């Protein structure tokens, strides 16, 4: 990350997620001060793998508690950061009882809350919003809307809903909101 001020901490939201864990590792290995958010600081076992990564790296890692549905809960972790990498989003593909409450609302409100905090934090200069291929492709029928079967940033998943493939649907809505 050549254009990032290495003297400023970098925030990675949702640090315990698969993608976020790899991002945290790469930043730590490059010597960055990394801040990451977790749902509950008391559940150290859920982020012990990150603590181990930090011990073996050149960087510094700090944990902050934040909730996607709680307005302003990312503000403390974000203070002083120039770069925010937003990866936090609930991931469930089975055992879903209420897709709207478990996936859609946290993805939408979480994105809104993180972006609102970024807009209110003067130090933040850049944001990276991670999404998923699921935001552009749900069912095979989505490929009909492409030229030669190639998806681009112009395509959106049109087949998922809160009743059918709610995780991809939550990614579509969150990315469109952003």
N, C-alpha and C. Protein backbone atom coordinates (compact mmCIF):
# COMPACT_ATOMS: atom_id res chain seq x y z
N UNK A 1 0.84 -1.18 0.00
CA UNK A 1 0.00 0.00 0.00
C UNK A 1 0.88 1.23 0.00
N UNK A 2 1.27 1.63 -1.17
CA UNK A 2 2.24 2.71 -1.31
C UNK A 2 1.71 4.07 -0.91
N UNK A 3 0.46 4.37 -1.23
CA UNK A 3 -0.04 5.72 -0.98
C UNK A 3 -0.71 5.89 0.37
N UNK A 4 -0.61 4.90 1.23
CA UNK A 4 -1.19 4.97 2.56
C UNK A 4 -0.13 5.47 3.54
N UNK A 5 -0.51 6.42 4.38
CA UNK A 5 0.39 6.94 5.40
C UNK A 5 0.63 5.85 6.44
N UNK A 6 1.83 5.30 6.45
CA UNK A 6 2.15 4.19 7.33
C UNK A 6 2.25 4.59 8.80
N UNK A 7 2.20 5.88 9.09
CA UNK A 7 2.23 6.31 10.49
C UNK A 7 0.83 6.34 11.10
N UNK A 8 -0.19 6.14 10.26
CA UNK A 8 -1.58 6.16 10.72
C UNK A 8 -2.11 4.74 10.82
N UNK A 9 -2.93 4.47 11.82
CA UNK A 9 -3.53 3.13 11.90
C UNK A 9 -4.52 2.89 10.77
N UNK A 10 -4.72 1.63 10.45
CA UNK A 10 -5.68 1.20 9.45
C UNK A 10 -6.77 0.42 10.18
N UNK A 11 -8.03 0.73 9.89
CA UNK A 11 -9.14 0.00 10.50
C UNK A 11 -9.68 -1.04 9.53
N UNK A 12 -9.80 -2.28 10.03
CA UNK A 12 -10.44 -3.37 9.30
C UNK A 12 -11.66 -3.78 10.12
N UNK A 13 -12.85 -3.52 9.60
CA UNK A 13 -14.05 -3.90 10.35
C UNK A 13 -14.28 -5.40 10.21
N UNK A 14 -14.88 -5.98 11.24
CA UNK A 14 -15.22 -7.41 11.20
C UNK A 14 -14.01 -8.31 11.13
N UNK A 15 -13.01 -8.04 11.97
CA UNK A 15 -11.73 -8.72 11.89
C UNK A 15 -11.74 -10.23 11.99
N UNK A 16 -12.76 -10.83 12.57
CA UNK A 16 -12.78 -12.28 12.72
C UNK A 16 -13.26 -13.01 11.47
N UNK A 17 -13.74 -12.27 10.49
CA UNK A 17 -14.19 -12.90 9.25
C UNK A 17 -13.02 -13.45 8.45
N UNK A 18 -13.32 -14.36 7.54
CA UNK A 18 -12.28 -15.02 6.76
C UNK A 18 -11.44 -14.02 5.97
N UNK A 19 -12.10 -13.20 5.17
CA UNK A 19 -11.38 -12.23 4.35
C UNK A 19 -10.67 -11.20 5.22
N UNK A 20 -11.36 -10.72 6.23
CA UNK A 20 -10.76 -9.71 7.13
C UNK A 20 -9.50 -10.25 7.81
N UNK A 21 -9.53 -11.50 8.22
CA UNK A 21 -8.36 -12.09 8.89
C UNK A 21 -7.13 -12.06 7.98
N UNK A 22 -7.32 -12.34 6.70
CA UNK A 22 -6.21 -12.30 5.75
C UNK A 22 -5.74 -10.87 5.52
N UNK A 23 -6.67 -9.94 5.47
CA UNK A 23 -6.30 -8.53 5.30
C UNK A 23 -5.50 -8.06 6.51
N UNK A 24 -5.98 -8.39 7.71
CA UNK A 24 -5.26 -8.03 8.95
C UNK A 24 -3.86 -8.62 8.91
N UNK A 25 -3.73 -9.89 8.53
CA UNK A 25 -2.42 -10.53 8.48
C UNK A 25 -1.48 -9.79 7.53
N UNK A 26 -1.95 -9.47 6.33
CA UNK A 26 -1.09 -8.79 5.37
C UNK A 26 -0.65 -7.42 5.86
N UNK A 27 -1.57 -6.69 6.47
CA UNK A 27 -1.22 -5.37 7.00
C UNK A 27 -0.21 -5.48 8.14
N UNK A 28 -0.43 -6.44 9.04
CA UNK A 28 0.51 -6.64 10.15
C UNK A 28 1.89 -7.04 9.64
N UNK A 29 1.91 -7.93 8.66
CA UNK A 29 3.19 -8.38 8.10
C UNK A 29 3.95 -7.23 7.44
N UNK A 30 3.22 -6.22 6.97
CA UNK A 30 3.85 -5.05 6.36
C UNK A 30 4.21 -3.99 7.40
N UNK A 31 3.92 -4.27 8.67
CA UNK A 31 4.31 -3.36 9.73
C UNK A 31 3.31 -2.29 10.10
N UNK A 32 2.09 -2.40 9.62
CA UNK A 32 1.07 -1.41 9.94
C UNK A 32 0.56 -1.56 11.37
N UNK A 33 0.08 -0.47 11.91
CA UNK A 33 -0.73 -0.52 13.12
C UNK A 33 -2.15 -0.77 12.64
N UNK A 34 -2.73 -1.88 13.06
CA UNK A 34 -4.04 -2.29 12.60
C UNK A 34 -5.02 -2.25 13.76
N UNK A 35 -6.17 -1.68 13.48
CA UNK A 35 -7.28 -1.73 14.41
C UNK A 35 -8.34 -2.59 13.76
N UNK A 36 -8.97 -3.43 14.57
CA UNK A 36 -10.05 -4.25 14.02
C UNK A 36 -11.19 -4.31 15.01
N UNK A 37 -12.38 -4.52 14.47
CA UNK A 37 -13.56 -4.58 15.32
C UNK A 37 -14.03 -6.02 15.46
N UNK A 38 -14.55 -6.29 16.65
CA UNK A 38 -15.16 -7.58 16.97
C UNK A 38 -16.48 -7.29 17.68
N UNK A 39 -17.37 -8.26 17.70
CA UNK A 39 -18.67 -8.04 18.33
C UNK A 39 -18.58 -7.99 19.85
N UNK A 40 -17.68 -8.79 20.42
CA UNK A 40 -17.62 -8.89 21.87
C UNK A 40 -16.16 -9.09 22.31
N UNK A 41 -15.60 -8.08 22.96
CA UNK A 41 -14.20 -8.17 23.40
C UNK A 41 -13.97 -9.25 24.45
N UNK A 42 -15.01 -9.64 25.16
CA UNK A 42 -14.87 -10.67 26.20
C UNK A 42 -14.69 -12.06 25.60
N UNK A 43 -15.09 -12.26 24.36
CA UNK A 43 -14.97 -13.57 23.72
C UNK A 43 -13.63 -13.67 22.99
N UNK A 44 -12.56 -13.68 23.75
CA UNK A 44 -11.20 -13.67 23.21
C UNK A 44 -10.90 -14.89 22.33
N UNK A 45 -11.57 -16.00 22.59
CA UNK A 45 -11.35 -17.20 21.78
C UNK A 45 -11.75 -16.98 20.32
N UNK A 46 -12.69 -16.09 20.07
CA UNK A 46 -13.15 -15.83 18.70
C UNK A 46 -12.13 -15.04 17.89
N UNK A 47 -11.20 -14.36 18.56
CA UNK A 47 -10.19 -13.61 17.81
C UNK A 47 -8.77 -13.95 18.25
N UNK A 48 -8.62 -15.10 18.90
CA UNK A 48 -7.29 -15.55 19.34
C UNK A 48 -6.35 -15.73 18.14
N UNK A 49 -6.88 -16.17 17.01
CA UNK A 49 -6.04 -16.36 15.82
C UNK A 49 -5.42 -15.04 15.37
N UNK A 50 -6.14 -13.94 15.56
CA UNK A 50 -5.60 -12.63 15.19
C UNK A 50 -4.51 -12.19 16.16
N UNK A 51 -4.72 -12.49 17.42
CA UNK A 51 -3.71 -12.16 18.43
C UNK A 51 -2.41 -12.90 18.12
N UNK A 52 -2.53 -14.17 17.72
CA UNK A 52 -1.34 -14.95 17.34
C UNK A 52 -0.65 -14.36 16.12
N UNK A 53 -1.43 -13.92 15.15
CA UNK A 53 -0.85 -13.29 13.95
C UNK A 53 -0.05 -12.06 14.34
N UNK A 54 -0.60 -11.27 15.24
CA UNK A 54 0.07 -10.03 15.65
C UNK A 54 1.40 -10.30 16.32
N UNK A 55 1.45 -11.32 17.15
CA UNK A 55 2.68 -11.66 17.88
C UNK A 55 3.79 -12.04 16.90
N UNK A 56 3.43 -12.66 15.79
CA UNK A 56 4.40 -13.14 14.81
C UNK A 56 4.71 -12.10 13.72
N UNK A 57 4.18 -10.90 13.85
CA UNK A 57 4.33 -9.91 12.77
C UNK A 57 5.14 -8.71 13.21
N UNK A 58 5.36 -7.81 12.25
CA UNK A 58 6.06 -6.55 12.53
C UNK A 58 5.09 -5.47 13.00
N UNK A 59 3.80 -5.70 12.83
CA UNK A 59 2.80 -4.68 13.12
C UNK A 59 2.25 -4.72 14.53
N UNK A 60 1.32 -3.84 14.78
CA UNK A 60 0.63 -3.72 16.07
C UNK A 60 -0.85 -3.92 15.81
N UNK A 61 -1.53 -4.67 16.68
CA UNK A 61 -2.95 -4.92 16.52
C UNK A 61 -3.71 -4.49 17.76
N UNK A 62 -4.80 -3.75 17.53
CA UNK A 62 -5.69 -3.33 18.60
C UNK A 62 -7.10 -3.79 18.26
N UNK A 63 -7.84 -4.21 19.29
CA UNK A 63 -9.21 -4.66 19.11
C UNK A 63 -10.18 -3.64 19.69
N UNK A 64 -11.29 -3.44 19.00
CA UNK A 64 -12.36 -2.55 19.43
C UNK A 64 -13.68 -3.28 19.29
N UNK A 65 -14.58 -3.06 20.22
CA UNK A 65 -15.90 -3.65 20.14
C UNK A 65 -16.80 -2.75 19.30
N UNK A 66 -17.53 -3.34 18.37
CA UNK A 66 -18.46 -2.58 17.53
C UNK A 66 -19.60 -3.50 17.10
N UNK A 67 -20.75 -2.89 16.89
CA UNK A 67 -21.95 -3.62 16.49
C UNK A 67 -22.49 -2.95 15.23
N UNK A 68 -22.70 -3.74 14.18
CA UNK A 68 -23.19 -3.20 12.92
C UNK A 68 -24.49 -2.41 13.09
N UNK A 69 -25.31 -2.82 14.03
CA UNK A 69 -26.62 -2.18 14.21
C UNK A 69 -26.60 -1.01 15.18
N UNK A 70 -25.44 -0.74 15.78
CA UNK A 70 -25.36 0.35 16.77
C UNK A 70 -24.69 1.57 16.14
N UNK A 71 -25.46 2.59 15.92
CA UNK A 71 -24.96 3.82 15.31
C UNK A 71 -23.80 4.39 16.14
N UNK A 72 -22.72 4.72 15.47
CA UNK A 72 -21.56 5.32 16.12
C UNK A 72 -20.61 4.35 16.80
N UNK A 73 -20.91 3.06 16.76
CA UNK A 73 -20.05 2.11 17.49
C UNK A 73 -18.69 1.89 16.83
N UNK A 74 -18.51 2.35 15.59
CA UNK A 74 -17.22 2.22 14.91
C UNK A 74 -16.36 3.48 15.06
N UNK A 75 -16.92 4.53 15.62
CA UNK A 75 -16.24 5.83 15.68
C UNK A 75 -14.93 5.78 16.47
N UNK A 76 -14.92 5.14 17.62
CA UNK A 76 -13.70 5.10 18.42
C UNK A 76 -12.58 4.39 17.68
N UNK A 77 -12.87 3.25 17.08
CA UNK A 77 -11.85 2.49 16.34
C UNK A 77 -11.33 3.26 15.14
N UNK A 78 -12.17 4.10 14.57
CA UNK A 78 -11.85 4.83 13.34
C UNK A 78 -11.03 6.09 13.60
N UNK A 79 -11.10 6.64 14.80
CA UNK A 79 -10.43 7.89 15.11
C UNK A 79 -8.94 7.81 14.80
N UNK A 80 -8.46 8.73 13.98
CA UNK A 80 -7.05 8.77 13.61
C UNK A 80 -6.68 7.92 12.42
N UNK A 81 -7.59 7.10 11.93
CA UNK A 81 -7.32 6.24 10.77
C UNK A 81 -7.50 7.03 9.49
N UNK A 82 -6.63 6.76 8.53
CA UNK A 82 -6.75 7.35 7.20
C UNK A 82 -7.47 6.40 6.25
N UNK A 83 -7.27 5.11 6.47
CA UNK A 83 -7.84 4.07 5.63
C UNK A 83 -8.75 3.18 6.47
N UNK A 84 -9.96 2.93 5.95
CA UNK A 84 -10.90 2.00 6.57
C UNK A 84 -11.25 0.94 5.54
N UNK A 85 -11.07 -0.32 5.93
CA UNK A 85 -11.44 -1.44 5.06
C UNK A 85 -12.64 -2.11 5.73
N UNK A 86 -13.79 -1.95 5.10
CA UNK A 86 -15.04 -2.44 5.69
C UNK A 86 -15.37 -3.82 5.15
N UNK A 87 -15.20 -4.82 6.01
CA UNK A 87 -15.52 -6.20 5.63
C UNK A 87 -16.65 -6.77 6.47
N UNK A 88 -17.00 -6.12 7.57
CA UNK A 88 -17.99 -6.65 8.50
C UNK A 88 -19.36 -6.81 7.84
N UNK A 89 -19.87 -8.02 7.90
CA UNK A 89 -21.21 -8.33 7.39
C UNK A 89 -21.54 -9.74 7.86
N UNK A 90 -22.77 -9.95 8.30
CA UNK A 90 -23.10 -11.31 8.75
C UNK A 90 -23.06 -12.30 7.58
N UNK A 91 -22.55 -13.49 7.85
CA UNK A 91 -22.47 -14.52 6.83
C UNK A 91 -23.15 -15.78 7.35
N UNK A 92 -24.25 -16.12 6.74
CA UNK A 92 -24.99 -17.34 7.07
C UNK A 92 -25.59 -17.86 5.77
N UNK A 93 -25.50 -19.15 5.57
CA UNK A 93 -26.16 -19.72 4.40
C UNK A 93 -27.16 -20.81 4.77
N UNK A 94 -27.16 -21.19 6.05
CA UNK A 94 -28.15 -22.18 6.49
C UNK A 94 -28.58 -21.83 7.92
N UNK A 95 -29.67 -22.42 8.34
CA UNK A 95 -30.19 -22.19 9.69
C UNK A 95 -30.75 -20.79 9.89
N UNK A 96 -31.12 -20.15 8.82
CA UNK A 96 -31.65 -18.79 8.89
C UNK A 96 -33.14 -18.85 9.21
N UNK A 97 -33.52 -18.17 10.29
CA UNK A 97 -34.93 -18.14 10.67
C UNK A 97 -35.62 -16.87 10.17
N UNK A 98 -34.90 -15.75 10.21
CA UNK A 98 -35.46 -14.47 9.77
C UNK A 98 -34.38 -13.73 8.98
N UNK A 99 -34.37 -13.92 7.69
CA UNK A 99 -33.32 -13.36 6.84
C UNK A 99 -33.24 -11.85 6.94
N UNK A 100 -34.37 -11.20 7.04
CA UNK A 100 -34.39 -9.73 7.12
C UNK A 100 -33.61 -9.27 8.37
N UNK A 101 -33.88 -9.90 9.50
CA UNK A 101 -33.24 -9.50 10.77
C UNK A 101 -31.81 -10.02 10.88
N UNK A 102 -31.54 -11.22 10.39
CA UNK A 102 -30.23 -11.85 10.57
C UNK A 102 -29.19 -11.42 9.53
N UNK A 103 -29.63 -11.08 8.32
CA UNK A 103 -28.68 -10.78 7.25
C UNK A 103 -28.88 -9.41 6.61
N UNK A 104 -30.09 -9.13 6.18
CA UNK A 104 -30.34 -7.92 5.39
C UNK A 104 -30.16 -6.66 6.23
N UNK A 105 -30.84 -6.57 7.37
CA UNK A 105 -30.72 -5.36 8.20
C UNK A 105 -29.29 -5.12 8.69
N UNK A 106 -28.59 -6.15 9.21
CA UNK A 106 -27.21 -5.88 9.63
C UNK A 106 -26.29 -5.46 8.49
N UNK A 107 -26.47 -6.04 7.30
CA UNK A 107 -25.63 -5.66 6.15
C UNK A 107 -25.91 -4.22 5.75
N UNK A 108 -27.18 -3.85 5.65
CA UNK A 108 -27.55 -2.49 5.24
C UNK A 108 -27.21 -1.46 6.32
N UNK A 109 -27.70 -1.69 7.52
CA UNK A 109 -27.47 -0.73 8.60
C UNK A 109 -25.99 -0.65 8.97
N UNK A 110 -25.31 -1.80 8.92
CA UNK A 110 -23.88 -1.80 9.20
C UNK A 110 -23.10 -0.97 8.21
N UNK A 111 -23.41 -1.14 6.94
CA UNK A 111 -22.74 -0.33 5.91
C UNK A 111 -23.06 1.15 6.12
N UNK A 112 -24.33 1.45 6.38
CA UNK A 112 -24.73 2.84 6.62
C UNK A 112 -24.00 3.41 7.85
N UNK A 113 -23.96 2.64 8.93
CA UNK A 113 -23.31 3.12 10.15
C UNK A 113 -21.81 3.33 9.98
N UNK A 114 -21.15 2.42 9.28
CA UNK A 114 -19.71 2.56 9.05
C UNK A 114 -19.44 3.77 8.14
N UNK A 115 -20.22 3.91 7.08
CA UNK A 115 -20.03 5.05 6.18
C UNK A 115 -20.34 6.38 6.87
N UNK A 116 -21.37 6.40 7.71
CA UNK A 116 -21.68 7.62 8.47
C UNK A 116 -20.52 7.99 9.40
N UNK A 117 -19.95 6.99 10.07
CA UNK A 117 -18.81 7.26 10.95
C UNK A 117 -17.61 7.76 10.15
N UNK A 118 -17.38 7.18 8.98
CA UNK A 118 -16.28 7.64 8.12
C UNK A 118 -16.48 9.09 7.72
N UNK A 119 -17.68 9.42 7.33
CA UNK A 119 -17.97 10.80 6.92
C UNK A 119 -17.79 11.79 8.07
N UNK A 120 -17.96 11.32 9.29
CA UNK A 120 -17.82 12.18 10.46
C UNK A 120 -16.40 12.19 11.03
N UNK A 121 -15.53 11.36 10.47
CA UNK A 121 -14.15 11.25 10.97
C UNK A 121 -13.21 11.94 10.00
N UNK A 122 -12.69 13.06 10.41
CA UNK A 122 -11.87 13.91 9.54
C UNK A 122 -10.63 13.20 9.01
N UNK A 123 -10.05 12.32 9.79
CA UNK A 123 -8.80 11.67 9.38
C UNK A 123 -8.99 10.67 8.24
N UNK A 124 -10.20 10.14 8.06
CA UNK A 124 -10.44 9.12 7.04
C UNK A 124 -10.40 9.75 5.65
N UNK A 125 -9.50 9.22 4.82
CA UNK A 125 -9.32 9.71 3.46
C UNK A 125 -9.75 8.69 2.40
N UNK A 126 -9.76 7.41 2.80
CA UNK A 126 -10.05 6.36 1.83
C UNK A 126 -10.80 5.22 2.51
N UNK A 127 -11.72 4.64 1.75
CA UNK A 127 -12.46 3.48 2.22
C UNK A 127 -12.40 2.39 1.16
N UNK A 128 -12.26 1.17 1.63
CA UNK A 128 -12.36 0.00 0.77
C UNK A 128 -13.55 -0.78 1.29
N UNK A 129 -14.52 -0.97 0.45
CA UNK A 129 -15.72 -1.72 0.81
C UNK A 129 -15.65 -3.07 0.14
N UNK A 130 -15.56 -4.13 0.93
CA UNK A 130 -15.53 -5.45 0.33
C UNK A 130 -16.96 -5.92 0.09
N UNK A 131 -17.14 -6.61 -0.98
CA UNK A 131 -18.44 -7.15 -1.31
C UNK A 131 -18.27 -8.61 -1.64
N UNK A 132 -18.97 -9.06 -2.64
CA UNK A 132 -18.91 -10.47 -3.01
C UNK A 132 -19.37 -10.62 -4.45
N UNK A 133 -18.89 -11.66 -5.10
CA UNK A 133 -19.39 -11.97 -6.43
C UNK A 133 -20.89 -12.23 -6.35
N UNK A 134 -21.37 -12.59 -5.17
CA UNK A 134 -22.81 -12.83 -4.97
C UNK A 134 -23.63 -11.58 -5.23
N UNK A 135 -23.02 -10.40 -5.18
CA UNK A 135 -23.74 -9.16 -5.47
C UNK A 135 -24.04 -9.00 -6.96
N UNK A 136 -23.31 -9.71 -7.80
CA UNK A 136 -23.55 -9.60 -9.25
C UNK A 136 -24.14 -10.87 -9.85
N UNK A 137 -24.09 -11.99 -9.11
CA UNK A 137 -24.51 -13.26 -9.68
C UNK A 137 -25.21 -14.09 -8.61
N UNK A 138 -26.47 -14.41 -8.86
CA UNK A 138 -27.22 -15.26 -7.93
C UNK A 138 -27.45 -16.62 -8.55
N UNK A 139 -28.42 -16.66 -9.43
CA UNK A 139 -28.74 -17.90 -10.15
C UNK A 139 -28.18 -17.83 -11.57
N UNK A 140 -28.13 -18.97 -12.22
CA UNK A 140 -27.57 -19.03 -13.57
C UNK A 140 -28.30 -18.10 -14.54
N UNK A 141 -29.54 -17.80 -14.27
CA UNK A 141 -30.30 -16.91 -15.15
C UNK A 141 -29.67 -15.52 -15.23
N UNK A 142 -28.93 -15.11 -14.18
CA UNK A 142 -28.28 -13.80 -14.19
C UNK A 142 -27.28 -13.66 -15.34
N UNK A 143 -26.75 -14.77 -15.80
CA UNK A 143 -25.76 -14.71 -16.88
C UNK A 143 -26.39 -14.25 -18.20
N UNK A 144 -27.70 -14.37 -18.31
CA UNK A 144 -28.39 -13.92 -19.53
C UNK A 144 -28.25 -12.41 -19.73
N UNK A 145 -28.02 -11.69 -18.65
CA UNK A 145 -27.90 -10.23 -18.73
C UNK A 145 -26.48 -9.76 -19.03
N UNK A 146 -25.61 -10.70 -19.37
CA UNK A 146 -24.21 -10.35 -19.64
C UNK A 146 -23.92 -10.46 -21.14
N UNK A 147 -22.83 -9.85 -21.53
CA UNK A 147 -22.36 -9.99 -22.89
C UNK A 147 -21.30 -11.09 -22.89
N UNK A 148 -21.54 -12.14 -23.63
CA UNK A 148 -20.61 -13.27 -23.76
C UNK A 148 -20.32 -13.95 -22.43
N UNK A 149 -21.28 -13.88 -21.50
CA UNK A 149 -21.11 -14.57 -20.22
C UNK A 149 -20.08 -13.96 -19.31
N UNK A 150 -19.79 -12.68 -19.48
CA UNK A 150 -18.78 -12.00 -18.67
C UNK A 150 -19.46 -10.96 -17.79
N UNK A 151 -19.26 -11.09 -16.48
CA UNK A 151 -19.82 -10.13 -15.53
C UNK A 151 -18.88 -8.94 -15.36
N UNK A 152 -19.46 -7.76 -15.20
CA UNK A 152 -18.69 -6.55 -14.93
C UNK A 152 -19.33 -5.82 -13.76
N UNK A 153 -18.77 -4.68 -13.40
CA UNK A 153 -19.32 -3.88 -12.31
C UNK A 153 -20.70 -3.31 -12.65
N UNK A 154 -21.11 -3.42 -13.89
CA UNK A 154 -22.43 -2.94 -14.30
C UNK A 154 -23.54 -3.94 -13.97
N UNK A 155 -23.18 -5.18 -13.64
CA UNK A 155 -24.17 -6.22 -13.40
C UNK A 155 -24.53 -6.33 -11.93
N UNK A 156 -25.79 -6.68 -11.72
CA UNK A 156 -26.29 -6.91 -10.36
C UNK A 156 -27.02 -8.24 -10.32
N UNK A 157 -26.92 -8.89 -9.20
CA UNK A 157 -27.67 -10.11 -8.92
C UNK A 157 -29.15 -9.71 -8.87
N UNK A 158 -29.94 -10.26 -9.79
CA UNK A 158 -31.37 -9.93 -9.86
C UNK A 158 -32.26 -11.06 -9.37
N UNK A 159 -31.68 -12.19 -9.02
CA UNK A 159 -32.48 -13.37 -8.69
C UNK A 159 -32.56 -13.67 -7.20
N UNK A 160 -31.71 -13.07 -6.40
CA UNK A 160 -31.76 -13.34 -4.96
C UNK A 160 -32.75 -12.41 -4.28
N UNK A 161 -33.27 -12.87 -3.16
CA UNK A 161 -34.21 -12.08 -2.36
C UNK A 161 -34.05 -12.51 -0.90
N UNK A 162 -34.82 -11.91 -0.01
CA UNK A 162 -34.72 -12.31 1.39
C UNK A 162 -35.26 -13.72 1.60
N UNK A 163 -36.06 -14.23 0.66
CA UNK A 163 -36.59 -15.60 0.76
C UNK A 163 -35.73 -16.61 0.00
N UNK A 164 -35.04 -16.16 -1.02
CA UNK A 164 -34.21 -17.03 -1.87
C UNK A 164 -32.79 -16.47 -1.90
N UNK A 165 -31.86 -17.17 -1.31
CA UNK A 165 -30.47 -16.74 -1.24
C UNK A 165 -30.33 -15.39 -0.51
N UNK A 166 -30.71 -15.35 0.77
CA UNK A 166 -30.69 -14.07 1.49
C UNK A 166 -29.29 -13.48 1.70
N UNK A 167 -28.26 -14.31 1.82
CA UNK A 167 -26.92 -13.73 1.98
C UNK A 167 -26.53 -12.94 0.73
N UNK A 168 -26.61 -13.52 -0.48
CA UNK A 168 -26.30 -12.71 -1.66
C UNK A 168 -27.17 -11.47 -1.77
N UNK A 169 -28.44 -11.59 -1.40
CA UNK A 169 -29.34 -10.44 -1.43
C UNK A 169 -28.85 -9.33 -0.50
N UNK A 170 -28.36 -9.70 0.68
CA UNK A 170 -27.85 -8.70 1.62
C UNK A 170 -26.62 -8.00 1.04
N UNK A 171 -25.80 -8.71 0.30
CA UNK A 171 -24.61 -8.11 -0.32
C UNK A 171 -25.01 -7.15 -1.44
N UNK A 172 -26.04 -7.49 -2.20
CA UNK A 172 -26.54 -6.60 -3.25
C UNK A 172 -27.00 -5.29 -2.64
N UNK A 173 -27.83 -5.38 -1.62
CA UNK A 173 -28.41 -4.19 -1.00
C UNK A 173 -27.33 -3.31 -0.35
N UNK A 174 -26.39 -3.94 0.34
CA UNK A 174 -25.34 -3.17 1.01
C UNK A 174 -24.45 -2.47 -0.01
N UNK A 175 -24.11 -3.15 -1.09
CA UNK A 175 -23.26 -2.52 -2.11
C UNK A 175 -23.99 -1.39 -2.83
N UNK A 176 -25.26 -1.58 -3.11
CA UNK A 176 -26.04 -0.52 -3.75
C UNK A 176 -26.15 0.69 -2.83
N UNK A 177 -26.34 0.44 -1.54
CA UNK A 177 -26.40 1.54 -0.58
C UNK A 177 -25.09 2.34 -0.58
N UNK A 178 -23.98 1.62 -0.57
CA UNK A 178 -22.67 2.28 -0.54
C UNK A 178 -22.45 3.08 -1.80
